[in-house]
Amino acid sequence: MMFRMPPIKTQIRLAITSRSDGDGVEAVRASIIDFLQMQPGVKLSVFGSPDEMNLGRQQTDMVVVLGGDGTILRTCRKLGSHQRPLLGVNMGRLGFLADLSPNEFRDKFPLILSRNYQVVDHLMFECRLRRSDGSQQKYLGLNEVSVQAGAALRILHLDLAINGEPVTTYRCDGLIISTPVGSTAHSLGAGGPILRQNLQAFVITPICPHTLTNRPLVDRADCLYSLTSPEFPPGATLVIDGQVKEPLREGDRIEVRRAAVSFQLVRLLDHSYYATLHRKLGWGGQTQFENRE
């Protein structure tokens, strides 16, 4: 877990990118760009969708991402080995990472301009797909790696090993290896636990396991997680962050480990992770206990 206070400067260099679809996106994007261009001390670089962004080694203090969590996932993958602090402005629905509305962004911009925020480093993963023919593909991600039966409509048999040690065989409809950031995404829907976002751990969550003793497993981030199967039926798919999909074939091997880079999330100092969970998940109940004596 790392918190970093940004250095104090007289100018802030911002890049801005956004999702490329949805009603009202262009209007909000244009209004925020106009707003930023009017702010003294702001040097602004404007990009289209994350796929069109090319920062390279360009010096940027922060990337403002207009969209939902999916746009942030796409942006941090596009940044690759040149990660930058990201601030999400929510134009989607849920938004655990992009939790500022456009109006809140404008209202709180003086805090950003005065560097009154933290940059919190979060775990990212590297997924390597080793094909049976000796070729391999490598992916960078933030939320999760999942293996899904998909159109196969058959139970998968997935062998899990951690640091080369066999752990168990899952008979299931799929399996998710999630970061703490991803624990509130697909893993949560499959019955996995919620982890504080800046923990250094992975969560392994089976999807509809056919053995009652198969339950989500939390383990260290510095391990190598390997998935194999005696047979991947046609339609079985490897999915990265819900956005990258690769068909799986017999003899393929999936390896997941901590990435060499971290996702850098900008958090304003009045931000509370648990308040976000309470608001986004609709948690009820009282935080105080009554004295019933």
Protein backbone atom coordinates (compact mmCIF):
# COMPACT_ATOMS: atom_id res chain seq x y z
CA MET A 1 0.00 0.00 0.00
CA MET A 2 1.45 3.35 -1.02
CA PHE A 3 0.17 6.91 -0.64
CA ARG A 4 2.08 9.68 -2.36
CA MET A 5 1.55 13.40 -2.05
CA PRO A 6 2.23 15.13 -5.38
CA PRO A 7 4.98 17.76 -5.51
CA ILE A 8 3.94 21.40 -5.18
CA LYS A 9 4.18 23.23 -8.52
CA THR A 10 2.73 26.40 -10.02
CA GLN A 11 1.38 24.63 -13.10
CA ILE A 12 -0.47 21.35 -13.65
CA ARG A 13 -0.18 19.31 -16.85
CA LEU A 14 -3.38 17.42 -17.63
CA ALA A 15 -4.34 14.97 -20.34
CA ILE A 16 -8.00 14.19 -20.94
CA THR A 17 -9.64 11.19 -22.58
CA SER A 18 -13.18 9.85 -22.65
CA ARG A 19 -15.47 7.05 -23.68
CA SER A 20 -16.54 7.40 -27.28
CA ASP A 21 -20.21 6.44 -27.05
CA GLY A 22 -23.34 7.16 -25.05
CA ASP A 23 -25.89 9.93 -24.97
CA GLY A 24 -24.59 13.27 -23.83
CA VAL A 25 -20.91 12.25 -23.74
CA GLU A 26 -19.76 14.81 -26.30
CA ALA A 27 -21.64 17.66 -24.62
CA VAL A 28 -20.15 16.93 -21.19
CA ARG A 29 -16.71 16.36 -22.69
CA ALA A 30 -16.84 19.71 -24.51
CA SER A 31 -18.00 21.57 -21.39
CA ILE A 32 -15.21 20.10 -19.24
CA ILE A 33 -12.57 20.85 -21.87
CA ASP A 34 -13.85 24.45 -22.06
CA PHE A 35 -13.74 24.63 -18.26
CA LEU A 36 -10.15 23.39 -18.07
CA GLN A 37 -8.95 25.66 -20.86
CA MET A 38 -10.22 28.63 -18.86
CA GLN A 39 -8.28 27.68 -15.72
CA PRO A 40 -5.00 29.53 -15.15
CA GLY A 41 -1.98 27.30 -14.67
CA VAL A 42 -3.44 24.35 -16.62
CA LYS A 43 -1.57 22.87 -19.58
CA LEU A 44 -4.05 20.58 -21.34
CA SER A 45 -3.56 17.75 -23.85
CA VAL A 46 -6.81 16.50 -25.38
CA PHE A 47 -7.23 12.96 -26.72
CA GLY A 48 -10.18 11.03 -28.09
CA SER A 49 -10.95 7.57 -26.74
CA PRO A 50 -8.28 5.74 -24.71
CA ASP A 51 -7.40 3.70 -27.81
CA GLU A 52 -6.33 6.95 -29.52
CA MET A 53 -4.21 8.14 -26.59
CA ASN A 54 -0.45 8.19 -27.05
CA LEU A 55 1.34 9.73 -24.08
CA GLY A 56 4.55 7.70 -24.29
CA ARG A 57 7.13 9.52 -22.18
CA GLN A 58 5.28 12.81 -22.41
CA GLN A 59 5.35 14.59 -19.06
CA THR A 60 1.82 14.60 -17.60
CA ASP A 61 0.81 15.15 -13.98
CA MET A 62 -2.61 13.57 -14.34
CA VAL A 63 -4.94 11.92 -16.86
CA VAL A 64 -8.59 12.90 -16.47
CA VAL A 65 -10.80 10.05 -17.68
CA LEU A 66 -14.41 10.85 -18.59
CA GLY A 67 -16.56 7.72 -18.49
CA GLY A 68 -17.08 4.79 -16.17
CA ASP A 69 -14.80 2.19 -14.67
CA GLY A 70 -14.60 0.44 -18.04
CA THR A 71 -13.02 3.54 -19.59
CA ILE A 72 -10.47 3.64 -16.77
CA LEU A 73 -9.64 -0.05 -17.35
CA ARG A 74 -9.07 0.63 -21.03
CA THR A 75 -6.98 3.73 -20.27
CA CYS A 76 -4.59 2.07 -17.81
CA ARG A 77 -4.06 -0.86 -20.21
CA LYS A 78 -3.31 1.62 -23.00
CA LEU A 79 -0.74 3.40 -20.79
CA GLY A 80 1.14 0.11 -20.40
CA SER A 81 4.55 0.61 -18.79
CA HIS A 82 4.06 4.41 -18.67
CA GLN A 83 1.37 4.61 -16.00
CA ARG A 84 0.18 8.07 -14.91
CA PRO A 85 -2.07 9.24 -12.07
CA LEU A 86 -5.68 8.84 -13.25
CA LEU A 87 -8.73 10.77 -12.04
CA GLY A 88 -12.09 9.37 -13.06
CA VAL A 89 -15.13 11.52 -13.79
CA ASN A 90 -18.13 9.23 -13.77
CA MET A 91 -20.38 9.20 -16.83
CA GLY A 92 -21.38 5.57 -16.40
CA ARG A 93 -23.63 3.90 -13.87
CA LEU A 94 -21.78 2.46 -10.86
CA GLY A 95 -18.26 3.85 -10.85
CA PHE A 96 -16.08 2.60 -8.00
CA LEU A 97 -12.99 4.14 -9.61
CA ALA A 98 -14.67 7.02 -11.43
CA ASP A 99 -16.63 8.38 -8.48
CA LEU A 100 -16.68 12.14 -9.18
CA SER A 101 -19.61 13.56 -11.13
CA PRO A 102 -18.85 16.28 -13.73
CA ASN A 103 -20.24 18.92 -11.34
CA GLU A 104 -18.14 17.59 -8.44
CA PHE A 105 -15.07 17.70 -10.68
CA ARG A 106 -15.64 21.39 -11.40
CA ASP A 107 -16.45 22.22 -7.78
CA LYS A 108 -13.36 20.41 -6.43
CA PHE A 109 -10.94 21.45 -9.15
CA PRO A 110 -9.26 24.03 -6.85
CA LEU A 111 -8.15 21.07 -4.69
CA ILE A 112 -6.60 19.45 -7.76
CA LEU A 113 -4.92 22.66 -8.88
CA SER A 114 -3.46 23.18 -5.39
CA ARG A 115 -2.24 19.53 -5.32
CA ASN A 116 -4.56 18.77 -2.40
CA TYR A 117 -4.91 15.09 -3.33
CA GLN A 118 -3.17 11.74 -2.93
CA VAL A 119 -1.96 9.28 -5.53
CA VAL A 120 -2.68 5.73 -4.37
CA ASP A 121 -0.87 2.81 -6.04
CA HIS A 122 -2.99 -0.27 -6.73
CA LEU A 123 -2.08 -3.78 -7.80
CA MET A 124 -2.16 -4.60 -11.51
CA PHE A 125 -1.63 -8.04 -13.01
CA GLU A 126 0.23 -9.55 -15.92
CA CYS A 127 -1.50 -12.47 -17.61
CA ARG A 128 0.52 -14.73 -19.90
CA LEU A 129 -1.32 -17.17 -22.15
CA ARG A 130 1.06 -19.97 -23.11
CA ARG A 131 -0.32 -21.78 -26.13
CA SER A 132 0.14 -25.49 -26.71
CA ASP A 133 2.05 -24.72 -29.93
CA GLY A 134 4.75 -22.84 -28.00
CA SER A 135 3.53 -19.31 -28.80
CA GLN A 136 2.46 -16.93 -26.06
CA GLN A 137 0.52 -13.72 -25.51
CA LYS A 138 0.90 -11.26 -22.64
CA TYR A 139 -1.71 -8.89 -21.26
CA LEU A 140 -1.71 -6.14 -18.65
CA GLY A 141 -4.86 -5.67 -16.59
CA LEU A 142 -6.39 -4.11 -13.51
CA ASN A 143 -9.60 -5.93 -12.56
CA GLU A 144 -9.51 -9.64 -13.27
CA VAL A 145 -8.59 -12.62 -15.38
CA SER A 146 -11.47 -15.00 -15.94
CA VAL A 147 -11.87 -18.34 -17.69
CA GLN A 148 -15.43 -18.87 -18.85
CA ALA A 149 -17.24 -21.81 -20.40
CA GLY A 150 -19.12 -19.42 -22.67
CA ALA A 151 -20.94 -21.03 -25.57
CA ALA A 152 -19.52 -24.43 -24.63
CA LEU A 153 -22.32 -24.85 -22.07
CA ARG A 154 -20.18 -27.50 -20.35
CA ILE A 155 -18.58 -27.76 -16.95
CA LEU A 156 -14.93 -26.75 -16.94
CA HIS A 157 -12.24 -28.72 -15.12
CA LEU A 158 -9.60 -26.19 -14.07
CA ASP A 159 -6.43 -27.12 -12.22
CA LEU A 160 -5.03 -24.33 -10.03
CA ALA A 161 -1.38 -24.22 -8.96
CA ILE A 162 0.25 -21.48 -6.86
CA ASN A 163 4.02 -21.10 -7.23
CA GLY A 164 4.03 -24.50 -8.93
CA GLU A 165 2.26 -26.26 -6.04
CA PRO A 166 -1.04 -27.96 -7.01
CA VAL A 167 -3.91 -26.48 -5.00
CA THR A 168 -7.18 -27.93 -6.28
CA THR A 169 -9.26 -28.80 -9.32
CA TYR A 170 -12.36 -26.71 -9.85
CA ARG A 171 -15.42 -28.18 -11.54
CA CYS A 172 -17.28 -25.00 -12.42
CA ASP A 173 -18.75 -22.75 -15.07
CA GLY A 174 -15.71 -20.50 -14.84
CA LEU A 175 -13.01 -19.09 -12.58
CA ILE A 176 -11.95 -15.52 -11.72
CA ILE A 177 -8.54 -14.34 -10.49
CA SER A 178 -9.15 -10.81 -9.27
CA THR A 179 -7.19 -7.92 -7.84
CA PRO A 180 -8.62 -5.97 -4.88
CA VAL A 181 -9.79 -3.27 -7.31
CA GLY A 182 -11.61 -5.99 -9.27
CA SER A 183 -13.13 -7.53 -6.15
CA THR A 184 -16.18 -5.25 -6.53
CA ALA A 185 -16.66 -6.28 -10.17
CA HIS A 186 -17.24 -9.78 -11.64
CA SER A 187 -15.82 -11.54 -8.57
CA LEU A 188 -18.39 -9.86 -6.31
CA GLY A 189 -21.21 -11.01 -8.57
CA ALA A 190 -19.86 -14.58 -8.33
CA GLY A 191 -19.92 -14.47 -4.51
CA GLY A 192 -16.36 -13.31 -3.85
CA PRO A 193 -15.34 -11.05 -0.94
CA ILE A 194 -14.83 -7.30 -1.09
CA LEU A 195 -11.18 -6.35 -0.50
CA ARG A 196 -9.92 -2.90 0.32
CA GLN A 197 -8.59 -1.57 -2.97
CA ASN A 198 -4.98 -1.02 -1.90
CA LEU A 199 -4.36 -4.48 -0.44
CA GLN A 200 -1.66 -6.57 -2.10
CA ALA A 201 -3.53 -9.82 -2.75
CA PHE A 202 -5.39 -11.83 -5.36
CA VAL A 203 -8.83 -13.41 -4.99
CA ILE A 204 -9.65 -16.70 -6.74
CA THR A 205 -13.42 -17.06 -7.13
CA PRO A 206 -15.09 -20.03 -8.84
CA ILE A 207 -18.23 -19.33 -10.88
CA CYS A 208 -21.04 -21.75 -9.97
CA PRO A 209 -18.73 -24.44 -8.52
CA HIS A 210 -20.12 -27.97 -8.53
CA THR A 211 -18.47 -28.81 -5.20
CA LEU A 212 -19.78 -27.20 -2.02
CA THR A 213 -16.29 -27.00 -0.50
CA ASN A 214 -14.96 -24.81 -3.34
CA ARG A 215 -15.00 -21.30 -1.90
CA PRO A 216 -13.20 -18.05 -2.79
CA LEU A 217 -9.51 -18.04 -1.85
CA VAL A 218 -7.41 -14.98 -0.97
CA ASP A 219 -3.63 -15.25 -1.36
CA ARG A 220 -0.55 -13.07 -1.67
CA ALA A 221 0.16 -10.83 -4.64
CA ASP A 222 3.75 -12.01 -5.06
CA CYS A 223 2.77 -15.54 -6.12
CA LEU A 224 2.48 -17.10 -9.57
CA TYR A 225 -1.01 -18.46 -10.29
CA SER A 226 -1.33 -21.09 -13.02
CA LEU A 227 -4.47 -22.52 -14.60
CA THR A 228 -4.55 -25.58 -16.85
CA SER A 229 -7.22 -28.01 -17.98
CA PRO A 230 -7.19 -31.53 -19.38
CA GLU A 231 -9.58 -30.21 -22.01
CA PHE A 232 -10.88 -26.75 -22.91
CA PRO A 233 -14.17 -27.37 -24.74
CA PRO A 234 -14.95 -25.28 -27.85
CA GLY A 235 -16.25 -21.92 -26.67
CA ALA A 236 -14.09 -21.72 -23.52
CA THR A 237 -12.63 -18.22 -23.35
CA LEU A 238 -9.96 -16.28 -21.49
CA VAL A 239 -11.28 -12.80 -20.63
CA ILE A 240 -9.13 -9.86 -19.44
CA ASP A 241 -10.99 -7.09 -17.61
CA GLY A 242 -14.18 -8.01 -19.44
CA GLN A 243 -12.76 -6.40 -22.59
CA VAL A 244 -10.10 -8.69 -24.12
CA LYS A 245 -11.24 -12.18 -25.14
CA GLU A 246 -9.13 -15.10 -26.34
CA PRO A 247 -10.44 -18.58 -27.23
CA LEU A 248 -8.78 -21.40 -25.29
CA ARG A 249 -7.55 -24.65 -26.78
CA GLU A 250 -6.39 -27.98 -25.37
CA GLY A 251 -2.92 -27.72 -23.83
CA ASP A 252 -3.07 -23.97 -23.17
CA ARG A 253 -1.71 -22.65 -19.87
CA ILE A 254 -2.71 -19.39 -18.15
CA GLU A 255 -0.28 -17.66 -15.77
CA VAL A 256 -1.16 -14.65 -13.62
CA ARG A 257 1.27 -12.61 -11.53
CA ARG A 258 1.78 -9.11 -10.17
CA ALA A 259 2.61 -6.60 -12.90
CA ALA A 260 5.79 -4.57 -12.78
CA VAL A 261 3.71 -1.36 -12.80
CA SER A 262 0.92 -0.12 -10.54
CA PHE A 263 -2.37 1.58 -11.28
CA GLN A 264 -2.10 5.14 -9.95
CA LEU A 265 -5.45 6.45 -8.74
CA VAL A 266 -5.98 10.06 -7.72
CA ARG A 267 -8.00 10.38 -4.51
CA LEU A 268 -9.09 13.70 -3.05
CA LEU A 269 -8.30 14.02 0.63
CA ASP A 270 -11.96 14.01 1.66
CA HIS A 271 -12.53 10.68 -0.10
CA SER A 272 -13.61 7.62 1.90
CA TYR A 273 -13.49 4.16 0.31
CA TYR A 274 -16.13 2.81 2.69
CA ALA A 275 -18.41 5.78 2.01
CA THR A 276 -18.09 4.94 -1.69
CA LEU A 277 -19.04 1.30 -1.01
CA HIS A 278 -21.98 2.43 1.10
CA ARG A 279 -23.20 4.76 -1.63
CA LYS A 280 -22.55 2.58 -4.69
CA LEU A 281 -23.77 -0.72 -3.23
CA GLY A 282 -26.76 0.76 -1.45
CA TRP A 283 -25.68 -0.56 1.93
CA GLY A 284 -28.21 0.02 4.67
CA GLY A 285 -28.12 -0.45 8.42
CA GLN A 286 -26.77 1.63 11.24
CA THR A 287 -23.13 2.33 12.08
CA GLN A 288 -23.98 2.79 15.76
CA PHE A 289 -25.13 0.12 18.18
CA GLU A 290 -28.02 0.77 20.52
CA ASN A 291 -27.65 0.13 24.25
CA ARG A 292 -30.42 -2.35 24.98
CA GLU A 293 -29.73 -2.72 28.71
